[in-house]
C-alpha atoms as a PDB file:
ATOM      1  CA  UNK A   1      -0.001  -0.119   0.148  1.00  0.00           C
ATOM      2  CA  UNK A   2       1.225   3.432  -0.938  1.00  0.00           C
ATOM      3  CA  UNK A   3       1.654   6.440   1.252  1.00  0.00           C
ATOM      4  CA  UNK A   4      -1.442   7.950  -0.345  1.00  0.00           C
ATOM      5  CA  UNK A   5      -3.920   5.224  -0.101  1.00  0.00           C
ATOM      6  CA  UNK A   6      -6.197   5.283   2.814  1.00  0.00           C
ATOM      7  CA  UNK A   7      -6.596   2.271   4.779  1.00  0.00           C
ATOM      8  CA  UNK A   8      -9.964   0.589   4.419  1.00  0.00           C
ATOM      9  CA  UNK A   9     -11.259   1.776   7.742  1.00  0.00           C
ATOM     10  CA  UNK A  10     -10.736   5.209   7.159  1.00  0.00           C
ATOM     11  CA  UNK A  11     -12.341   5.522   3.640  1.00  0.00           C
ATOM     12  CA  UNK A  12     -14.793   8.184   3.646  1.00  0.00           C
ATOM     13  CA  UNK A  13     -18.039   6.525   3.237  1.00  0.00           C
ATOM     14  CA  UNK A  14     -21.193   8.472   3.306  1.00  0.00           C
ATOM     15  CA  UNK A  15     -19.465  11.745   3.424  1.00  0.00           C
ATOM     16  CA  UNK A  16     -21.166  14.888   2.099  1.00  0.00           C
ATOM     17  CA  UNK A  17     -20.012  15.667  -1.333  1.00  0.00           C
ATOM     18  CA  UNK A  18     -17.115  18.358  -1.293  1.00  0.00           C
ATOM     19  CA  UNK A  19     -17.737  22.215  -1.784  1.00  0.00           C
ATOM     20  CA  UNK A  20     -16.059  21.754  -5.217  1.00  0.00           C
ATOM     21  CA  UNK A  21     -18.352  18.964  -6.352  1.00  0.00           C
ATOM     22  CA  UNK A  22     -21.538  20.741  -5.118  1.00  0.00           C
ATOM     23  CA  UNK A  23     -20.501  23.733  -7.228  1.00  0.00           C
ATOM     24  CA  UNK A  24     -19.711  21.741 -10.270  1.00  0.00           C
ATOM     25  CA  UNK A  25     -23.293  20.121 -10.085  1.00  0.00           C
ATOM     26  CA  UNK A  26     -24.707  23.678  -9.527  1.00  0.00           C
ATOM     27  CA  UNK A  27     -23.033  24.985 -12.586  1.00  0.00           C
ATOM     28  CA  UNK A  28     -24.094  21.892 -14.533  1.00  0.00           C
ATOM     29  CA  UNK A  29     -27.621  22.436 -13.555  1.00  0.00           C
ATOM     30  CA  UNK A  30     -27.476  26.269 -14.520  1.00  0.00           C
ATOM     31  CA  UNK A  31     -26.107  25.393 -17.953  1.00  0.00           C
ATOM     32  CA  UNK A  32     -28.852  22.606 -18.595  1.00  0.00           C
ATOM     33  CA  UNK A  33     -31.304  25.452 -17.625  1.00  0.00           C
ATOM     34  CA  UNK A  34     -29.612  27.641 -19.860  1.00  0.00           C
ATOM     35  CA  UNK A  35     -29.608  25.309 -22.862  1.00  0.00           C
ATOM     36  CA  UNK A  36     -33.468  24.645 -22.206  1.00  0.00           C
ATOM     37  CA  UNK A  37     -34.301  28.335 -22.382  1.00  0.00           C
ATOM     38  CA  UNK A  38     -32.461  28.405 -25.625  1.00  0.00           C
ATOM     39  CA  UNK A  39     -34.841  25.744 -27.257  1.00  0.00           C
ATOM     40  CA  UNK A  40     -37.674  26.428 -29.218  1.00  0.00           C
ATOM     41  CA  UNK A  41     -41.233  26.190 -27.820  1.00  0.00           C
ATOM     42  CA  UNK A  42     -41.948  23.110 -29.675  1.00  0.00           C
ATOM     43  CA  UNK A  43     -38.902  21.290 -28.084  1.00  0.00           C
ATOM     44  CA  UNK A  44     -39.433  22.902 -24.518  1.00  0.00           C
ATOM     45  CA  UNK A  45     -42.964  21.373 -24.593  1.00  0.00           C
ATOM     46  CA  UNK A  46     -41.528  18.120 -24.914  1.00  0.00           C
ATOM     47  CA  UNK A  47     -39.713  18.653 -21.392  1.00  0.00           C
ATOM     48  CA  UNK A  48     -41.632  17.867 -18.105  1.00  0.00           C
ATOM     49  CA  UNK A  49     -41.294  21.356 -16.626  1.00  0.00           C
ATOM     50  CA  UNK A  50     -43.527  22.332 -13.715  1.00  0.00           C
ATOM     51  CA  UNK A  51     -44.464  25.325 -11.691  1.00  0.00           C
ATOM     52  CA  UNK A  52     -42.188  27.915 -10.918  1.00  0.00           C
ATOM     53  CA  UNK A  53     -39.363  26.362 -12.979  1.00  0.00           C
ATOM     54  CA  UNK A  54     -41.580  26.315 -16.234  1.00  0.00           C
ATOM     55  CA  UNK A  55     -42.502  30.091 -15.402  1.00  0.00           C
ATOM     56  CA  UNK A  56     -38.851  31.030 -15.048  1.00  0.00           C
ATOM     57  CA  UNK A  57     -37.776  29.407 -18.191  1.00  0.00           C
ATOM     58  CA  UNK A  58     -40.616  30.974 -20.196  1.00  0.00           C
ATOM     59  CA  UNK A  59     -39.937  34.404 -18.754  1.00  0.00           C
ATOM     60  CA  UNK A  60     -36.144  34.032 -19.291  1.00  0.00           C
ATOM     61  CA  UNK A  61     -36.981  33.571 -23.118  1.00  0.00           C
ATOM     62  CA  UNK A  62     -38.462  36.891 -23.195  1.00  0.00           C
ATOM     63  CA  UNK A  63     -35.567  39.027 -21.172  1.00  0.00           C
ATOM     64  CA  UNK A  64     -33.196  41.049 -23.235  1.00  0.00           C
ATOM     65  CA  UNK A  65     -31.455  42.890 -20.399  1.00  0.00           C
ATOM     66  CA  UNK A  66     -27.876  41.300 -19.914  1.00  0.00           C
ATOM     67  CA  UNK A  67     -27.898  41.480 -16.330  1.00  0.00           C
ATOM     68  CA  UNK A  68     -31.376  40.479 -15.525  1.00  0.00           C
ATOM     69  CA  UNK A  69     -31.190  37.440 -17.687  1.00  0.00           C
ATOM     70  CA  UNK A  70     -28.126  36.518 -16.047  1.00  0.00           C
ATOM     71  CA  UNK A  71     -29.820  36.578 -12.683  1.00  0.00           C
ATOM     72  CA  UNK A  72     -32.760  34.876 -14.111  1.00  0.00           C
ATOM     73  CA  UNK A  73     -30.508  32.039 -15.242  1.00  0.00           C
ATOM     74  CA  UNK A  74     -29.154  31.632 -11.799  1.00  0.00           C
ATOM     75  CA  UNK A  75     -32.684  31.384 -10.423  1.00  0.00           C
ATOM     76  CA  UNK A  76     -33.352  28.530 -13.057  1.00  0.00           C
ATOM     77  CA  UNK A  77     -30.351  26.860 -11.847  1.00  0.00           C
ATOM     78  CA  UNK A  78     -31.454  27.046  -8.196  1.00  0.00           C
ATOM     79  CA  UNK A  79     -34.903  25.792  -9.108  1.00  0.00           C
ATOM     80  CA  UNK A  80     -33.538  23.065 -11.091  1.00  0.00           C
ATOM     81  CA  UNK A  81     -31.638  21.997  -8.011  1.00  0.00           C
ATOM     82  CA  UNK A  82     -34.631  21.714  -6.095  1.00  0.00           C
ATOM     83  CA  UNK A  83     -36.745  19.880  -8.905  1.00  0.00           C
ATOM     84  CA  UNK A  84     -37.858  16.468  -8.139  1.00  0.00           C
ATOM     85  CA  UNK A  85     -38.223  15.226 -11.580  1.00  0.00           C
ATOM     86  CA  UNK A  86     -34.498  16.130 -12.515  1.00  0.00           C
ATOM     87  CA  UNK A  87     -34.039  12.799 -14.130  1.00  0.00           C
ATOM     88  CA  UNK A  88     -36.743  13.023 -16.115  1.00  0.00           C
ATOM     89  CA  UNK A  89     -35.902  16.587 -17.292  1.00  0.00           C
ATOM     90  CA  UNK A  90     -32.519  15.528 -18.298  1.00  0.00           C
ATOM     91  CA  UNK A  91     -33.844  12.369 -20.114  1.00  0.00           C
ATOM     92  CA  UNK A  92     -36.215  14.790 -22.062  1.00  0.00           C
ATOM     93  CA  UNK A  93     -33.520  17.090 -22.805  1.00  0.00           C
ATOM     94  CA  UNK A  94     -31.338  14.267 -24.348  1.00  0.00           C
ATOM     95  CA  UNK A  95     -34.266  13.130 -26.431  1.00  0.00           C
ATOM     96  CA  UNK A  96     -34.791  16.452 -28.027  1.00  0.00           C
ATOM     97  CA  UNK A  97     -30.891  16.710 -28.762  1.00  0.00           C
ATOM     98  CA  UNK A  98     -31.170  13.482 -30.353  1.00  0.00           C
ATOM     99  CA  UNK A  99     -34.219  14.577 -32.573  1.00  0.00           C
ATOM    100  CA  UNK A 100     -32.141  17.558 -33.562  1.00  0.00           C
ATOM    101  CA  UNK A 101     -29.080  15.377 -34.708  1.00  0.00           C
ATOM    102  CA  UNK A 102     -31.113  12.990 -36.289  1.00  0.00           C
ATOM    103  CA  UNK A 103     -32.908  15.856 -38.233  1.00  0.00           C
ATOM    104  CA  UNK A 104     -29.433  17.132 -39.313  1.00  0.00           C
ATOM    105  CA  UNK A 105     -28.377  13.817 -40.557  1.00  0.00           C
ATOM    106  CA  UNK A 106     -31.141  13.920 -42.785  1.00  0.00           C
ATOM    107  CA  UNK A 107     -30.683  17.157 -44.100  1.00  0.00           C
ATOM    108  CA  UNK A 108     -26.990  16.260 -44.977  1.00  0.00           C
ATOM    109  CA  UNK A 109     -28.097  12.976 -46.710  1.00  0.00           C
ATOM    110  CA  UNK A 110     -30.600  15.095 -48.704  1.00  0.00           C
ATOM    111  CA  UNK A 111     -27.911  17.948 -49.607  1.00  0.00           C
ATOM    112  CA  UNK A 112     -25.522  14.905 -50.638  1.00  0.00           C
ATOM    113  CA  UNK A 113     -28.221  13.367 -53.194  1.00  0.00           C
ATOM    114  CA  UNK A 114     -28.876  16.830 -54.504  1.00  0.00           C
ATOM    115  CA  UNK A 115     -25.205  17.752 -55.034  1.00  0.00           C
ATOM    116  CA  UNK A 116     -24.502  14.348 -56.439  1.00  0.00           C
ATOM    117  CA  UNK A 117     -27.498  14.614 -58.723  1.00  0.00           C
ATOM    118  CA  UNK A 118     -26.625  18.245 -60.024  1.00  0.00           C
ATOM    119  CA  UNK A 119     -23.162  17.192 -60.623  1.00  0.00           C
ATOM    120  CA  UNK A 120     -24.115  14.002 -62.252  1.00  0.00           C
ATOM    121  CA  UNK A 121     -21.307  11.719 -60.639  1.00  0.00           C
ATOM    122  CA  UNK A 122     -21.745   8.525 -62.613  1.00  0.00           C
ATOM    123  CA  UNK A 123     -25.046   6.641 -62.132  1.00  0.00           C
ATOM    124  CA  UNK A 124     -26.398   9.125 -59.427  1.00  0.00           C
ATOM    125  CA  UNK A 125     -29.773   9.298 -60.934  1.00  0.00           C
ATOM    126  CA  UNK A 126     -30.356   5.550 -61.392  1.00  0.00           C
ATOM    127  CA  UNK A 127     -28.802   5.208 -57.684  1.00  0.00           C
ATOM    128  CA  UNK A 128     -31.295   7.483 -56.542  1.00  0.00           C
ATOM    129  CA  UNK A 129     -34.291   5.851 -58.364  1.00  0.00           C
ATOM    130  CA  UNK A 130     -32.892   2.440 -57.326  1.00  0.00           C
ATOM    131  CA  UNK A 131     -33.149   3.594 -53.547  1.00  0.00           C
ATOM    132  CA  UNK A 132     -36.304   5.524 -53.746  1.00  0.00           C
ATOM    133  CA  UNK A 133     -38.522   4.005 -56.537  1.00  0.00           C
ATOM    134  CA  UNK A 134     -41.552   6.339 -55.723  1.00  0.00           C
ATOM    135  CA  UNK A 135     -39.709   9.197 -57.491  1.00  0.00           C
ATOM    136  CA  UNK A 136     -41.491  10.609 -60.551  1.00  0.00           C
ATOM    137  CA  UNK A 137     -38.342  10.108 -62.755  1.00  0.00           C
ATOM    138  CA  UNK A 138     -39.384  12.810 -65.625  1.00  0.00           C
ATOM    139  CA  UNK A 139     -39.836  15.457 -62.833  1.00  0.00           C
ATOM    140  CA  UNK A 140     -36.796  14.510 -61.036  1.00  0.00           C
ATOM    141  CA  UNK A 141     -34.810  14.930 -64.524  1.00  0.00           C
ATOM    142  CA  UNK A 142     -36.446  18.469 -65.104  1.00  0.00           C
ATOM    143  CA  UNK A 143     -35.300  19.426 -61.704  1.00  0.00           C
ATOM    144  CA  UNK A 144     -31.957  18.333 -62.317  1.00  0.00           C
ATOM    145  CA  UNK A 145     -31.424  19.753 -65.752  1.00  0.00           C
ATOM    146  CA  UNK A 146     -32.909  23.157 -64.422  1.00  0.00           C
ATOM    147  CA  UNK A 147     -30.502  23.040 -61.354  1.00  0.00           C
ATOM    148  CA  UNK A 148     -27.400  22.243 -63.581  1.00  0.00           C
ATOM    149  CA  UNK A 149     -28.450  25.017 -66.321  1.00  0.00           C
ATOM    150  CA  UNK A 150     -28.766  27.561 -63.608  1.00  0.00           C
ATOM    151  CA  UNK A 151     -25.389  26.615 -61.964  1.00  0.00           C
ATOM    152  CA  UNK A 152     -23.577  26.928 -65.472  1.00  0.00           C
ATOM    153  CA  UNK A 153     -25.017  30.428 -65.729  1.00  0.00           C
ATOM    154  CA  UNK A 154     -24.342  31.446 -62.261  1.00  0.00           C
ATOM    155  CA  UNK A 155     -27.934  32.175 -61.655  1.00  0.00           C
ATOM    156  CA  UNK A 156     -29.648  32.022 -58.206  1.00  0.00           C
ATOM    157  CA  UNK A 157     -30.241  28.270 -57.443  1.00  0.00           C
ATOM    158  CA  UNK A 158     -34.062  28.471 -57.490  1.00  0.00           C
ATOM    159  CA  UNK A 159     -34.285  24.895 -59.113  1.00  0.00           C
ATOM    160  CA  UNK A 160     -31.627  23.501 -56.975  1.00  0.00           C
ATOM    161  CA  UNK A 161     -33.893  24.518 -53.771  1.00  0.00           C
ATOM    162  CA  UNK A 162     -36.947  22.790 -55.526  1.00  0.00           C
ATOM    163  CA  UNK A 163     -34.917  19.938 -56.177  1.00  0.00           C
ATOM    164  CA  UNK A 164     -33.820  19.779 -52.471  1.00  0.00           C
ATOM    165  CA  UNK A 165     -37.448  20.149 -51.414  1.00  0.00           C
ATOM    166  CA  UNK A 166     -38.620  17.397 -53.635  1.00  0.00           C
ATOM    167  CA  UNK A 167     -35.604  15.104 -52.482  1.00  0.00           C
ATOM    168  CA  UNK A 168     -36.448  15.693 -48.820  1.00  0.00           C
ATOM    169  CA  UNK A 169     -40.062  14.697 -49.281  1.00  0.00           C
ATOM    170  CA  UNK A 170     -39.256  11.399 -51.115  1.00  0.00           C
ATOM    171  CA  UNK A 171     -36.306  10.662 -48.469  1.00  0.00           C
ATOM    172  CA  UNK A 172     -39.027  11.529 -45.647  1.00  0.00           C
ATOM    173  CA  UNK A 173     -41.805   8.867 -47.126  1.00  0.00           C
END
């Protein structure tokens, strides 16, 4: 046993957490509260907030003054420490983040297909049709041609946007 190891009978069991640990937990809860405040109403509705905590979060969303908002966020951190359903709040927040990440992956996939179809990398159109057979081939070809034409003429990408929307609808379905 080294000089730094405590003997088994002297191990700190059931000791209250250190002040540093308490402070870290308080800061983490205040950060969680701040991140919840930054969410859209649609996502806040998915988090089980109750009473004063819900009111404080909704009020913080409307505050513009820097110091007042800072104090409100500290108050939210205090209410988070007192919340009985803290685990449910954390779990719901994690689910909301996962939804956002899935949505981003979906948009990146759609962008990849759009760019691949416009640049016409090999058999991009055939690959897309094989993967998404419900696509209207004639309409899809028209959108691709128009987007390619706009790209060559350095025009605003109106057709590329239409193509993106159409691809998004197909991929969602």
